[in-house]
């Protein structure tokens, strides 16, 4: 599933082509994706000017001048691209937003786990309520993690991936952040010190920023809006490397399921 860097890469790629453009029309080739597509998308979005392309967690929002927003999630295989209007339609091209530039914003999703929903002006969609801070914001730091972790016995990796604690730190980046901070993913969240949480928050920010700069991580179906793959996969230290030597100390990397997610760590570097 595309994680925060992939979604942010998509946002940055779309923004120059979409912001300031008016939606000339909407083509829905099916009535639903993961959930039914609300009637407002076809009824109210045409004629609206897109003021901003914004990201919240792993969601993209097309904010209009009127204050309402189209809310999108890429799911496991979704892709958003800006294309010439006469580009042939593929079997999995489910939605086109025609722009006044003569191009279309096309949503392709073979597995249909993505979504296209509507957020009325002055409201917050239920999918966005209760989410934790953005990991690249000032609200996220070691003090925040330390305070929220007290009394928790769940593994720190599961804690870090909880969207109510911090958004967008999925399996790949949680594994890489814990490795850089030297923290075992098996350690109980409530047993990690404030100092070590400060190191973890700094590691997560640094890794996410670097992954965004590298265009995300190419796993399965992810491509950026220009069709180029992400390159962060080439720099992974532990994720997907179970049984291989640790890049820091040479010890064999261990692999196990933590919170029903594949996890890899170094038993020597991470304590």
Protein backbone atom coordinates (compact mmCIF):
# COMPACT_ATOMS: atom_id res chain seq x y z
CA UNK A 1 0.00 0.00 0.00
CA UNK A 2 1.37 3.47 -0.83
CA UNK A 3 2.60 5.10 2.36
CA UNK A 4 3.03 8.76 3.30
CA UNK A 5 6.06 9.47 1.06
CA UNK A 6 4.29 7.96 -1.95
CA UNK A 7 1.15 9.99 -1.29
CA UNK A 8 3.17 13.18 -0.72
CA UNK A 9 5.10 12.49 -3.95
CA UNK A 10 1.77 12.17 -5.74
CA UNK A 11 0.50 15.42 -4.21
CA UNK A 12 3.60 17.32 -5.25
CA UNK A 13 3.41 15.91 -8.75
CA UNK A 14 -0.26 16.81 -9.19
CA UNK A 15 -0.31 20.26 -7.61
CA UNK A 16 1.29 22.27 -10.46
CA UNK A 17 -1.17 20.79 -12.97
CA UNK A 18 -4.33 20.87 -10.84
CA UNK A 19 -4.21 23.85 -8.48
CA UNK A 20 -6.00 26.86 -9.90
CA UNK A 21 -7.80 24.76 -12.50
CA UNK A 22 -11.56 24.51 -12.79
CA UNK A 23 -13.24 21.11 -13.02
CA UNK A 24 -15.03 21.11 -16.36
CA UNK A 25 -16.68 17.73 -15.89
CA UNK A 26 -16.64 14.42 -14.06
CA UNK A 27 -16.74 10.97 -15.65
CA UNK A 28 -17.52 8.06 -13.33
CA UNK A 29 -17.10 4.73 -15.09
CA UNK A 30 -18.38 2.83 -12.08
CA UNK A 31 -20.53 3.91 -9.11
CA UNK A 32 -18.13 2.77 -6.43
CA UNK A 33 -14.56 1.96 -5.49
CA UNK A 34 -14.03 0.72 -1.94
CA UNK A 35 -17.20 2.60 -1.04
CA UNK A 36 -19.95 4.17 -3.18
CA UNK A 37 -18.88 7.45 -4.80
CA UNK A 38 -21.12 10.19 -3.35
CA UNK A 39 -23.54 11.98 -5.66
CA UNK A 40 -21.85 15.31 -4.83
CA UNK A 41 -18.78 14.33 -6.86
CA UNK A 42 -20.69 14.38 -10.16
CA UNK A 43 -23.30 16.95 -9.08
CA UNK A 44 -21.30 19.63 -7.26
CA UNK A 45 -17.66 19.28 -8.28
CA UNK A 46 -18.09 20.37 -11.94
CA UNK A 47 -17.60 24.12 -12.14
CA UNK A 48 -15.58 24.27 -8.94
CA UNK A 49 -12.05 25.70 -9.00
CA UNK A 50 -9.43 23.59 -7.20
CA UNK A 51 -7.69 25.95 -4.80
CA UNK A 52 -5.22 23.43 -3.35
CA UNK A 53 -4.12 19.81 -3.45
CA UNK A 54 -3.60 18.85 0.17
CA UNK A 55 -2.52 15.73 2.04
CA UNK A 56 -3.76 14.53 5.42
CA UNK A 57 -2.19 11.25 6.52
CA UNK A 58 -2.47 9.01 3.43
CA UNK A 59 -5.47 10.90 2.04
CA UNK A 60 -5.39 13.52 -0.71
CA UNK A 61 -7.88 16.38 -0.69
CA UNK A 62 -8.77 18.55 -3.66
CA UNK A 63 -9.91 21.70 -1.87
CA UNK A 64 -12.23 24.00 -3.82
CA UNK A 65 -12.78 27.74 -3.53
CA UNK A 66 -16.19 26.99 -1.99
CA UNK A 67 -14.55 25.17 0.94
CA UNK A 68 -15.63 21.65 0.08
CA UNK A 69 -13.22 18.92 -0.96
CA UNK A 70 -12.95 15.73 -2.95
CA UNK A 71 -11.25 13.17 -0.70
CA UNK A 72 -9.14 10.45 -2.30
CA UNK A 73 -7.21 7.44 -1.06
CA UNK A 74 -4.99 5.38 -3.37
CA UNK A 75 -5.73 2.10 -1.61
CA UNK A 76 -3.31 -0.68 -2.52
CA UNK A 77 -2.90 -0.05 -6.23
CA UNK A 78 -4.38 3.35 -7.01
CA UNK A 79 -2.70 5.94 -9.21
CA UNK A 80 -3.54 9.55 -10.09
CA UNK A 81 -2.18 11.05 -13.31
CA UNK A 82 -2.78 14.21 -15.32
CA UNK A 83 -3.18 13.20 -18.96
CA UNK A 84 -4.28 14.64 -22.31
CA UNK A 85 -8.05 14.37 -22.60
CA UNK A 86 -7.83 12.04 -25.60
CA UNK A 87 -5.66 9.45 -23.80
CA UNK A 88 -7.24 6.01 -24.37
CA UNK A 89 -9.12 4.65 -21.37
CA UNK A 90 -7.85 1.45 -19.77
CA UNK A 91 -9.85 -1.29 -18.06
CA UNK A 92 -9.05 0.06 -14.58
CA UNK A 93 -9.40 3.81 -15.31
CA UNK A 94 -12.45 4.42 -13.14
CA UNK A 95 -12.67 8.22 -12.78
CA UNK A 96 -11.77 11.24 -14.90
CA UNK A 97 -11.94 14.81 -13.65
CA UNK A 98 -11.82 16.97 -16.77
CA UNK A 99 -9.90 20.21 -16.20
CA UNK A 100 -10.24 23.54 -17.98
CA UNK A 101 -6.66 23.09 -19.19
CA UNK A 102 -7.85 20.43 -21.62
CA UNK A 103 -6.34 17.65 -19.54
CA UNK A 104 -7.93 15.09 -17.23
CA UNK A 105 -7.04 13.96 -13.74
CA UNK A 106 -7.44 10.18 -14.05
CA UNK A 107 -7.86 7.78 -11.14
CA UNK A 108 -6.71 4.26 -11.96
CA UNK A 109 -7.23 1.49 -9.41
CA UNK A 110 -7.04 -2.18 -10.47
CA UNK A 111 -7.94 -3.57 -7.05
CA UNK A 112 -10.52 -0.91 -6.21
CA UNK A 113 -9.39 -0.53 -2.57
CA UNK A 114 -9.05 3.22 -3.08
CA UNK A 115 -11.82 5.72 -2.57
CA UNK A 116 -13.30 8.96 -3.87
CA UNK A 117 -15.47 10.69 -1.28
CA UNK A 118 -16.83 14.17 -0.50
CA UNK A 119 -16.12 16.55 2.39
CA UNK A 120 -18.67 19.39 2.63
CA UNK A 121 -17.49 22.89 3.48
CA UNK A 122 -17.00 23.50 7.20
CA UNK A 123 -16.83 19.80 8.09
CA UNK A 124 -14.23 17.13 8.62
CA UNK A 125 -14.80 13.75 7.04
CA UNK A 126 -15.22 10.91 9.52
CA UNK A 127 -12.16 9.16 8.06
CA UNK A 128 -10.01 12.10 9.15
CA UNK A 129 -11.39 12.50 12.66
CA UNK A 130 -9.25 11.33 15.55
CA UNK A 131 -6.05 11.10 13.53
CA UNK A 132 -2.75 11.84 15.23
CA UNK A 133 -0.33 14.60 14.23
CA UNK A 134 1.60 14.64 10.98
CA UNK A 135 5.09 13.17 11.51
CA UNK A 136 6.74 16.14 9.77
CA UNK A 137 4.89 18.71 11.88
CA UNK A 138 6.04 20.45 15.06
CA UNK A 139 3.31 18.61 16.98
CA UNK A 140 5.19 15.32 16.61
CA UNK A 141 8.25 14.78 18.77
CA UNK A 142 9.73 12.52 21.43
CA UNK A 143 7.74 14.15 24.22
CA UNK A 144 4.48 13.40 22.37
CA UNK A 145 5.42 9.75 21.87
CA UNK A 146 6.60 9.37 25.46
CA UNK A 147 3.41 10.84 26.91
CA UNK A 148 1.11 8.71 24.75
CA UNK A 149 3.06 5.51 25.39
CA UNK A 150 2.88 5.40 29.18
CA UNK A 151 1.29 2.21 30.44
CA UNK A 152 1.16 0.60 27.01
CA UNK A 153 2.32 -2.98 26.72
CA UNK A 154 1.91 -3.29 22.93
CA UNK A 155 5.14 -3.54 20.90
CA UNK A 156 6.62 -0.15 20.06
CA UNK A 157 6.35 -0.91 16.33
CA UNK A 158 2.60 -1.43 16.63
CA UNK A 159 2.37 1.76 18.71
CA UNK A 160 4.27 3.77 16.09
CA UNK A 161 1.95 2.53 13.34
CA UNK A 162 -1.21 3.54 15.25
CA UNK A 163 -2.79 6.35 13.21
CA UNK A 164 -4.17 7.89 16.41
CA UNK A 165 -0.60 8.31 17.67
CA UNK A 166 0.98 9.62 14.46
CA UNK A 167 -0.26 9.37 10.89
CA UNK A 168 1.46 7.92 7.89
CA UNK A 169 4.24 5.86 9.48
CA UNK A 170 3.42 2.55 7.84
CA UNK A 171 5.20 -0.78 8.00
CA UNK A 172 8.19 0.12 5.84
CA UNK A 173 9.03 3.40 7.55
CA UNK A 174 8.31 2.12 11.06
CA UNK A 175 10.83 -0.68 10.53
CA UNK A 176 13.44 1.68 9.12
CA UNK A 177 12.90 4.30 11.84
CA UNK A 178 13.25 1.78 14.65
CA UNK A 179 16.46 0.48 13.11
CA UNK A 180 17.96 3.95 12.85
CA UNK A 181 16.96 4.73 16.46
CA UNK A 182 18.36 1.40 17.69
CA UNK A 183 15.07 0.27 19.25
CA UNK A 184 13.80 -3.32 19.02
CA UNK A 185 10.31 -3.46 17.47
CA UNK A 186 9.41 -6.05 20.14
CA UNK A 187 10.03 -3.71 23.09
CA UNK A 188 6.87 -2.65 24.93
CA UNK A 189 5.93 0.92 24.03
CA UNK A 190 5.61 1.83 27.70
CA UNK A 191 9.18 0.66 28.39
CA UNK A 192 10.87 3.05 25.95
CA UNK A 193 12.46 6.09 27.57
CA UNK A 194 11.84 9.72 26.66
CA UNK A 195 15.38 10.01 25.30
CA UNK A 196 14.92 7.02 23.02
CA UNK A 197 11.55 8.33 21.82
CA UNK A 198 13.26 11.60 20.91
CA UNK A 199 15.71 9.60 18.80
CA UNK A 200 12.83 7.66 17.24
CA UNK A 201 10.88 10.80 16.32
CA UNK A 202 13.98 12.33 14.76
CA UNK A 203 14.70 9.11 12.85
CA UNK A 204 11.14 8.90 11.52
CA UNK A 205 11.22 12.51 10.32
CA UNK A 206 14.62 12.10 8.66
CA UNK A 207 13.65 8.87 6.90
CA UNK A 208 10.31 10.21 5.68
CA UNK A 209 11.90 13.39 4.35
CA UNK A 210 14.56 11.38 2.54
CA UNK A 211 11.98 8.96 1.13
CA UNK A 212 9.92 11.88 -0.19
CA UNK A 213 13.02 13.34 -1.82
CA UNK A 214 13.68 9.94 -3.42
CA UNK A 215 10.14 9.66 -4.74
CA UNK A 216 8.89 7.06 -2.29
CA UNK A 217 9.38 3.32 -2.27
CA UNK A 218 8.48 1.19 -5.29
CA UNK A 219 6.61 -1.85 -3.95
CA UNK A 220 4.16 -3.65 -6.20
CA UNK A 221 2.12 -1.08 -8.08
CA UNK A 222 3.23 2.36 -6.92
CA UNK A 223 4.28 4.91 -9.53
CA UNK A 224 4.39 8.67 -9.19
CA UNK A 225 2.08 10.81 -11.38
CA UNK A 226 4.74 11.11 -14.10
CA UNK A 227 5.08 7.33 -14.27
CA UNK A 228 8.53 7.29 -12.62
CA UNK A 229 9.19 4.78 -9.84
CA UNK A 230 10.35 5.72 -6.36
CA UNK A 231 13.93 4.91 -5.47
CA UNK A 232 13.92 4.62 -1.67
CA UNK A 233 13.51 0.83 -1.95
CA UNK A 234 17.15 0.67 -3.02
CA UNK A 235 18.20 2.14 0.33
CA UNK A 236 16.18 0.03 2.79
CA UNK A 237 18.26 -1.18 5.74
CA UNK A 238 15.95 -3.84 7.21
CA UNK A 239 12.51 -3.97 5.58
CA UNK A 240 12.23 -7.07 3.38
CA UNK A 241 15.78 -8.18 4.28
CA UNK A 242 15.10 -10.89 6.86
CA UNK A 243 17.93 -13.44 6.99
CA UNK A 244 20.43 -11.11 5.35
CA UNK A 245 23.37 -9.40 7.10
CA UNK A 246 22.71 -6.20 9.03
CA UNK A 247 24.18 -3.30 7.04
CA UNK A 248 25.63 -1.84 10.25
CA UNK A 249 27.10 -4.81 12.16
CA UNK A 250 26.78 -7.87 9.92
CA UNK A 251 24.53 -9.86 12.27
CA UNK A 252 21.75 -11.86 10.66
CA UNK A 253 18.55 -9.84 10.53
CA UNK A 254 15.60 -11.50 12.25
CA UNK A 255 12.07 -11.62 10.87
CA UNK A 256 8.74 -12.21 12.60
CA UNK A 257 5.14 -11.09 12.49
CA UNK A 258 4.36 -8.19 14.86
CA UNK A 259 0.79 -7.00 14.92
CA UNK A 260 0.12 -9.21 11.88
CA UNK A 261 2.75 -7.31 9.88
CA UNK A 262 6.07 -8.68 8.65
CA UNK A 263 8.85 -7.16 10.74
CA UNK A 264 12.62 -7.30 10.35
CA UNK A 265 15.21 -6.04 12.84
CA UNK A 266 18.79 -6.50 13.96
CA UNK A 267 19.10 -8.35 17.30
CA UNK A 268 22.44 -6.72 17.93
CA UNK A 269 21.83 -3.08 16.93
CA UNK A 270 18.26 -2.83 18.20
CA UNK A 271 17.59 -3.32 21.91
